[in-house]
Structures are given as C-alpha cells and as structure tokens.
Amino acid sequence: MKQRLLVMNGSRIVQNEREGQWYTDKVDKAGALRPGIYNLYLASLADKAATHRGVILHADKERVYQQVGKNYVMHDRSDFDKTPEIGSARSISYDAQGKASMSAETIQLSRGRSR
C-alpha cells in the first residue's frame, strides 16, 4: 500500500492509495512542516549503523518517517522510548542494543547562494 503526506494551508494530510485512487485517512495541523508532497512509500529502512539527520515527517503505529536530504527513512517505532515530535529536526542514531537515541539537530541558515 502506498502512503503519502500532503502539507498545505497549515494542514498535514495522510493519504493511502487504494485501487489507483488516493484516499485521505487523517488530517491534522502541519505545525513546523514545510508545505509539499512527501511520498512516504519511497522510504527505505533505517541503517542502524548510520546516523540519520533530518526532519520528522510522520509517525504511525509501526513506523517513524524522517526526511534525510531529499530521501526518506523509516524507523521502527518500537526502537524509540519516546516518539519524536512531528516537524522537529532530529539526529537519530542507534546503540548496540538497537535502541534509537535522538538529539536536536541544528539547522544552518545561509544567505544567498553558496559558492
């Protein structure tokens, strides 16, 4: 089943595809998420040996979805003691037991073009 996230007009809309049509399953406030279409079905499973830095997009009963660069990563929700806040920038790494640990990610802002 394909799942996507639409963020527009201050709303966060979770949609699932059934029989070639997109159906809305959940609507809530977007919070700090940027407007756009996030194709969660393109997410790859998180590599527990790496550190993943990016914005938390969505969390459901089984998974936590994070945007890392232009790609999407899904983490098992059971690996977290506390579910990360939607829209927050987090750095997620795993310990030897496979439990996820989070730290706040600092966002670097720049002016104009980079050289």
N, C-alpha and C. Protein backbone atom coordinates (compact mmCIF):
# COMPACT_ATOMS: atom_id res chain seq x y z
N MET A 1 0.85 -1.17 0.00
CA MET A 1 0.00 0.00 0.00
C MET A 1 0.90 1.24 0.00
N LYS A 2 0.60 2.16 -0.88
CA LYS A 2 1.36 3.40 -0.95
C LYS A 2 0.75 4.41 0.01
N GLN A 3 1.64 5.18 0.65
CA GLN A 3 1.20 6.21 1.59
C GLN A 3 1.97 7.49 1.28
N ARG A 4 1.27 8.62 1.32
CA ARG A 4 1.93 9.91 1.13
C ARG A 4 1.41 10.91 2.14
N LEU A 5 2.17 11.99 2.27
CA LEU A 5 1.83 13.06 3.20
C LEU A 5 1.76 14.35 2.40
N LEU A 6 0.64 15.04 2.50
CA LEU A 6 0.47 16.35 1.86
C LEU A 6 0.46 17.41 2.95
N VAL A 7 1.27 18.44 2.77
CA VAL A 7 1.28 19.55 3.72
C VAL A 7 0.94 20.80 2.94
N MET A 8 -0.21 21.39 3.26
CA MET A 8 -0.64 22.62 2.58
C MET A 8 -1.66 23.34 3.43
N ASN A 9 -1.68 24.66 3.31
CA ASN A 9 -2.64 25.50 4.03
C ASN A 9 -2.67 25.23 5.53
N GLY A 10 -1.53 24.92 6.11
CA GLY A 10 -1.45 24.69 7.55
C GLY A 10 -1.95 23.33 7.99
N SER A 11 -2.25 22.43 7.04
CA SER A 11 -2.74 21.09 7.37
C SER A 11 -1.77 20.02 6.92
N ARG A 12 -1.77 18.92 7.66
CA ARG A 12 -0.97 17.74 7.33
C ARG A 12 -1.96 16.63 7.02
N ILE A 13 -1.97 16.17 5.77
CA ILE A 13 -2.96 15.20 5.30
C ILE A 13 -2.25 13.90 4.96
N VAL A 14 -2.66 12.80 5.61
CA VAL A 14 -2.11 11.48 5.34
C VAL A 14 -3.06 10.77 4.39
N GLN A 15 -2.51 10.30 3.26
CA GLN A 15 -3.33 9.62 2.26
C GLN A 15 -2.75 8.25 1.94
N ASN A 16 -3.64 7.30 1.64
CA ASN A 16 -3.26 5.96 1.19
C ASN A 16 -3.88 5.71 -0.17
N GLU A 17 -3.16 4.94 -0.98
CA GLU A 17 -3.66 4.62 -2.31
C GLU A 17 -4.36 3.27 -2.28
N ARG A 18 -5.58 3.25 -2.80
CA ARG A 18 -6.36 2.02 -2.93
C ARG A 18 -6.97 2.00 -4.33
N GLU A 19 -6.67 0.95 -5.08
CA GLU A 19 -7.21 0.76 -6.42
C GLU A 19 -6.93 1.96 -7.33
N GLY A 20 -5.72 2.51 -7.23
CA GLY A 20 -5.31 3.60 -8.10
C GLY A 20 -5.80 4.98 -7.70
N GLN A 21 -6.52 5.11 -6.60
CA GLN A 21 -7.04 6.40 -6.13
C GLN A 21 -6.44 6.72 -4.76
N TRP A 22 -6.18 8.01 -4.51
CA TRP A 22 -5.68 8.44 -3.21
C TRP A 22 -6.86 8.79 -2.31
N TYR A 23 -6.87 8.22 -1.10
CA TYR A 23 -7.93 8.46 -0.13
C TYR A 23 -7.32 9.06 1.14
N THR A 24 -7.97 10.09 1.66
CA THR A 24 -7.50 10.75 2.87
C THR A 24 -7.87 9.92 4.09
N ASP A 25 -6.87 9.63 4.92
CA ASP A 25 -7.09 8.85 6.14
C ASP A 25 -7.05 9.70 7.40
N LYS A 26 -6.25 10.78 7.37
CA LYS A 26 -6.08 11.58 8.58
C LYS A 26 -5.72 13.00 8.19
N VAL A 27 -6.28 13.97 8.93
CA VAL A 27 -5.95 15.38 8.73
C VAL A 27 -5.70 16.00 10.10
N ASP A 28 -4.57 16.69 10.24
CA ASP A 28 -4.30 17.43 11.47
C ASP A 28 -3.42 18.64 11.14
N LYS A 29 -3.00 19.37 12.14
CA LYS A 29 -2.23 20.59 11.92
C LYS A 29 -0.81 20.26 11.46
N ALA A 30 -0.29 21.07 10.55
CA ALA A 30 1.03 20.84 9.98
C ALA A 30 2.16 21.21 10.94
N GLY A 31 1.90 22.16 11.81
CA GLY A 31 2.94 22.59 12.74
C GLY A 31 4.11 23.20 11.99
N ALA A 32 5.32 22.69 12.24
CA ALA A 32 6.53 23.27 11.64
C ALA A 32 6.91 22.66 10.30
N LEU A 33 6.10 21.74 9.78
CA LEU A 33 6.44 21.11 8.49
C LEU A 33 6.28 22.09 7.34
N ARG A 34 7.17 22.01 6.38
CA ARG A 34 7.09 22.86 5.19
C ARG A 34 6.06 22.29 4.23
N PRO A 35 5.37 23.16 3.50
CA PRO A 35 4.40 22.69 2.50
C PRO A 35 5.06 21.82 1.44
N GLY A 36 4.34 20.80 1.01
CA GLY A 36 4.87 19.93 -0.04
C GLY A 36 4.17 18.59 -0.04
N ILE A 37 4.58 17.74 -0.99
CA ILE A 37 4.09 16.37 -1.09
C ILE A 37 5.25 15.46 -0.73
N TYR A 38 5.06 14.63 0.28
CA TYR A 38 6.09 13.72 0.75
C TYR A 38 5.62 12.29 0.47
N ASN A 39 6.28 11.61 -0.45
CA ASN A 39 5.92 10.25 -0.83
C ASN A 39 6.57 9.27 0.15
N LEU A 40 5.87 8.96 1.22
CA LEU A 40 6.41 8.10 2.28
C LEU A 40 6.66 6.67 1.79
N TYR A 41 5.98 6.25 0.74
CA TYR A 41 6.16 4.89 0.23
C TYR A 41 7.54 4.70 -0.39
N LEU A 42 8.28 5.77 -0.62
CA LEU A 42 9.63 5.68 -1.16
C LEU A 42 10.69 5.53 -0.06
N ALA A 43 10.25 5.52 1.21
CA ALA A 43 11.18 5.45 2.35
C ALA A 43 11.89 4.11 2.40
N SER A 44 13.17 4.16 2.73
CA SER A 44 13.94 2.95 2.93
C SER A 44 14.10 2.72 4.44
N LEU A 45 14.35 1.49 4.81
CA LEU A 45 14.51 1.14 6.22
C LEU A 45 15.81 1.75 6.74
N ALA A 46 15.79 2.28 7.93
CA ALA A 46 16.95 2.96 8.52
C ALA A 46 18.10 2.00 8.73
N ASP A 47 19.29 2.44 8.38
CA ASP A 47 20.51 1.69 8.63
C ASP A 47 20.93 1.96 10.07
N LYS A 48 20.93 0.92 10.90
CA LYS A 48 21.21 1.12 12.33
C LYS A 48 22.67 1.41 12.62
N ALA A 49 23.54 1.28 11.62
CA ALA A 49 24.95 1.60 11.81
C ALA A 49 25.25 3.06 11.50
N ALA A 50 24.29 3.76 10.90
CA ALA A 50 24.50 5.16 10.49
C ALA A 50 23.71 6.11 11.37
N THR A 51 24.05 7.39 11.29
CA THR A 51 23.30 8.45 11.96
C THR A 51 22.46 9.15 10.90
N HIS A 52 21.18 9.33 11.19
CA HIS A 52 20.26 9.95 10.24
C HIS A 52 19.87 11.33 10.76
N ARG A 53 20.11 12.35 9.94
CA ARG A 53 19.81 13.73 10.32
C ARG A 53 18.76 14.30 9.40
N GLY A 54 17.67 14.82 9.99
CA GLY A 54 16.62 15.42 9.18
C GLY A 54 15.36 15.67 9.98
N VAL A 55 14.31 16.06 9.27
CA VAL A 55 13.03 16.45 9.87
C VAL A 55 12.12 15.23 10.00
N ILE A 56 11.46 15.11 11.14
CA ILE A 56 10.49 14.05 11.37
C ILE A 56 9.19 14.45 10.65
N LEU A 57 8.74 13.61 9.71
CA LEU A 57 7.56 13.93 8.90
C LEU A 57 6.27 13.33 9.45
N HIS A 58 6.34 12.07 9.90
CA HIS A 58 5.12 11.35 10.23
C HIS A 58 5.46 10.19 11.16
N ALA A 59 4.54 9.83 12.02
CA ALA A 59 4.66 8.66 12.87
C ALA A 59 3.32 7.96 12.92
N ASP A 60 3.32 6.65 12.70
CA ASP A 60 2.09 5.87 12.84
C ASP A 60 2.34 4.78 13.89
N LYS A 61 1.50 3.75 13.93
CA LYS A 61 1.61 2.72 14.96
C LYS A 61 2.91 1.94 14.87
N GLU A 62 3.44 1.77 13.65
CA GLU A 62 4.60 0.91 13.45
C GLU A 62 5.88 1.64 13.10
N ARG A 63 5.79 2.79 12.44
CA ARG A 63 6.97 3.44 11.89
C ARG A 63 7.04 4.93 12.22
N VAL A 64 8.26 5.47 12.15
CA VAL A 64 8.53 6.90 12.24
C VAL A 64 9.26 7.26 10.95
N TYR A 65 8.73 8.24 10.22
CA TYR A 65 9.30 8.63 8.93
C TYR A 65 10.08 9.92 9.09
N GLN A 66 11.28 9.95 8.49
CA GLN A 66 12.17 11.09 8.58
C GLN A 66 12.68 11.44 7.19
N GLN A 67 12.75 12.74 6.90
CA GLN A 67 13.31 13.19 5.63
C GLN A 67 14.79 13.46 5.86
N VAL A 68 15.63 12.78 5.11
CA VAL A 68 17.08 12.93 5.20
C VAL A 68 17.56 13.41 3.84
N GLY A 69 17.85 14.69 3.74
CA GLY A 69 18.18 15.27 2.44
C GLY A 69 16.92 15.26 1.57
N LYS A 70 17.02 14.65 0.40
CA LYS A 70 15.85 14.52 -0.47
C LYS A 70 15.22 13.14 -0.36
N ASN A 71 15.78 12.29 0.49
CA ASN A 71 15.29 10.92 0.65
C ASN A 71 14.49 10.78 1.94
N TYR A 72 13.83 9.64 2.07
CA TYR A 72 13.01 9.35 3.25
C TYR A 72 13.52 8.06 3.89
N VAL A 73 13.54 8.07 5.23
CA VAL A 73 13.98 6.92 6.01
C VAL A 73 12.87 6.58 6.99
N MET A 74 12.61 5.27 7.17
CA MET A 74 11.63 4.86 8.17
C MET A 74 12.32 4.08 9.28
N HIS A 75 11.96 4.45 10.51
CA HIS A 75 12.49 3.81 11.71
C HIS A 75 11.35 3.02 12.35
N ASP A 76 11.69 1.89 13.01
CA ASP A 76 10.68 1.16 13.77
C ASP A 76 10.32 1.97 15.00
N ARG A 77 9.03 2.17 15.22
CA ARG A 77 8.59 2.98 16.36
C ARG A 77 8.95 2.31 17.68
N SER A 78 9.03 0.99 17.69
CA SER A 78 9.35 0.27 18.92
C SER A 78 10.79 0.52 19.38
N ASP A 79 11.65 1.06 18.50
CA ASP A 79 13.03 1.37 18.88
C ASP A 79 13.16 2.65 19.70
N PHE A 80 12.08 3.43 19.78
CA PHE A 80 12.11 4.71 20.49
C PHE A 80 11.46 4.58 21.87
N ASP A 81 12.06 5.22 22.87
CA ASP A 81 11.44 5.31 24.19
C ASP A 81 10.29 6.32 24.13
N LYS A 82 10.51 7.42 23.41
CA LYS A 82 9.51 8.46 23.23
C LYS A 82 9.47 8.81 21.75
N THR A 83 8.28 8.87 21.19
CA THR A 83 8.13 9.19 19.77
C THR A 83 8.56 10.63 19.51
N PRO A 84 9.39 10.84 18.49
CA PRO A 84 9.83 12.21 18.20
C PRO A 84 8.68 13.10 17.74
N GLU A 85 8.82 14.39 17.98
CA GLU A 85 7.79 15.36 17.63
C GLU A 85 7.80 15.61 16.12
N ILE A 86 6.60 15.60 15.52
CA ILE A 86 6.46 15.85 14.09
C ILE A 86 6.94 17.27 13.77
N GLY A 87 7.75 17.40 12.74
CA GLY A 87 8.25 18.71 12.32
C GLY A 87 9.56 19.10 12.96
N SER A 88 10.04 18.32 13.93
CA SER A 88 11.29 18.67 14.59
C SER A 88 12.48 18.10 13.81
N ALA A 89 13.57 18.82 13.80
CA ALA A 89 14.81 18.36 13.17
C ALA A 89 15.57 17.54 14.20
N ARG A 90 15.83 16.29 13.87
CA ARG A 90 16.47 15.36 14.81
C ARG A 90 17.62 14.62 14.17
N SER A 91 18.58 14.26 14.99
CA SER A 91 19.66 13.38 14.61
C SER A 91 19.40 12.07 15.33
N ILE A 92 19.20 10.99 14.59
CA ILE A 92 18.83 9.70 15.18
C ILE A 92 19.94 8.70 14.92
N SER A 93 20.44 8.09 16.00
CA SER A 93 21.44 7.03 15.90
C SER A 93 20.98 5.87 16.78
N TYR A 94 21.64 4.74 16.63
CA TYR A 94 21.25 3.53 17.36
C TYR A 94 22.40 3.04 18.22
N ASP A 95 22.08 2.49 19.40
CA ASP A 95 23.10 1.93 20.27
C ASP A 95 23.31 0.45 19.92
N ALA A 96 24.15 -0.22 20.69
CA ALA A 96 24.49 -1.62 20.41
C ALA A 96 23.28 -2.55 20.56
N GLN A 97 22.31 -2.17 21.38
CA GLN A 97 21.11 -2.99 21.57
C GLN A 97 20.04 -2.70 20.51
N GLY A 98 20.30 -1.75 19.63
CA GLY A 98 19.34 -1.42 18.58
C GLY A 98 18.30 -0.39 18.98
N LYS A 99 18.47 0.26 20.14
CA LYS A 99 17.54 1.30 20.56
C LYS A 99 17.96 2.64 19.97
N ALA A 100 16.99 3.42 19.56
CA ALA A 100 17.25 4.71 18.94
C ALA A 100 17.50 5.77 20.01
N SER A 101 18.45 6.64 19.73
CA SER A 101 18.67 7.80 20.59
C SER A 101 18.61 9.04 19.70
N MET A 102 17.97 10.08 20.22
CA MET A 102 17.74 11.30 19.45
C MET A 102 18.45 12.47 20.09
N SER A 103 18.85 13.39 19.23
CA SER A 103 19.34 14.68 19.70
C SER A 103 18.83 15.74 18.74
N ALA A 104 18.66 16.93 19.25
CA ALA A 104 18.16 18.03 18.41
C ALA A 104 19.21 18.36 17.37
N GLU A 105 18.76 18.56 16.17
CA GLU A 105 19.63 18.91 15.05
C GLU A 105 19.61 20.42 14.88
N THR A 106 20.76 21.03 14.74
CA THR A 106 20.81 22.46 14.50
C THR A 106 20.69 22.70 13.00
N ILE A 107 19.85 23.63 12.65
CA ILE A 107 19.64 23.96 11.24
C ILE A 107 20.53 25.14 10.90
N GLN A 108 21.33 24.96 9.87
CA GLN A 108 22.22 26.04 9.47
C GLN A 108 21.54 26.87 8.40
N LEU A 109 21.43 28.16 8.66
CA LEU A 109 20.81 29.05 7.71
C LEU A 109 21.89 29.80 6.96
N SER A 110 21.63 30.06 5.70
CA SER A 110 22.60 30.81 4.91
C SER A 110 21.86 31.91 4.16
N ARG A 111 22.60 32.87 3.71
CA ARG A 111 22.04 33.95 2.92
C ARG A 111 22.55 33.85 1.49
N GLY A 112 21.65 33.90 0.55
CA GLY A 112 22.05 33.90 -0.84
C GLY A 112 22.61 32.57 -1.30
N ARG A 113 23.35 32.64 -2.39
CA ARG A 113 23.92 31.43 -2.97
C ARG A 113 25.22 31.04 -2.27
N SER A 114 25.44 29.74 -2.23
CA SER A 114 26.72 29.27 -1.69
C SER A 114 27.71 29.18 -2.85
N ARG A 115 28.95 29.33 -2.53
CA ARG A 115 29.96 29.33 -3.61
C ARG A 115 30.73 28.07 -3.60
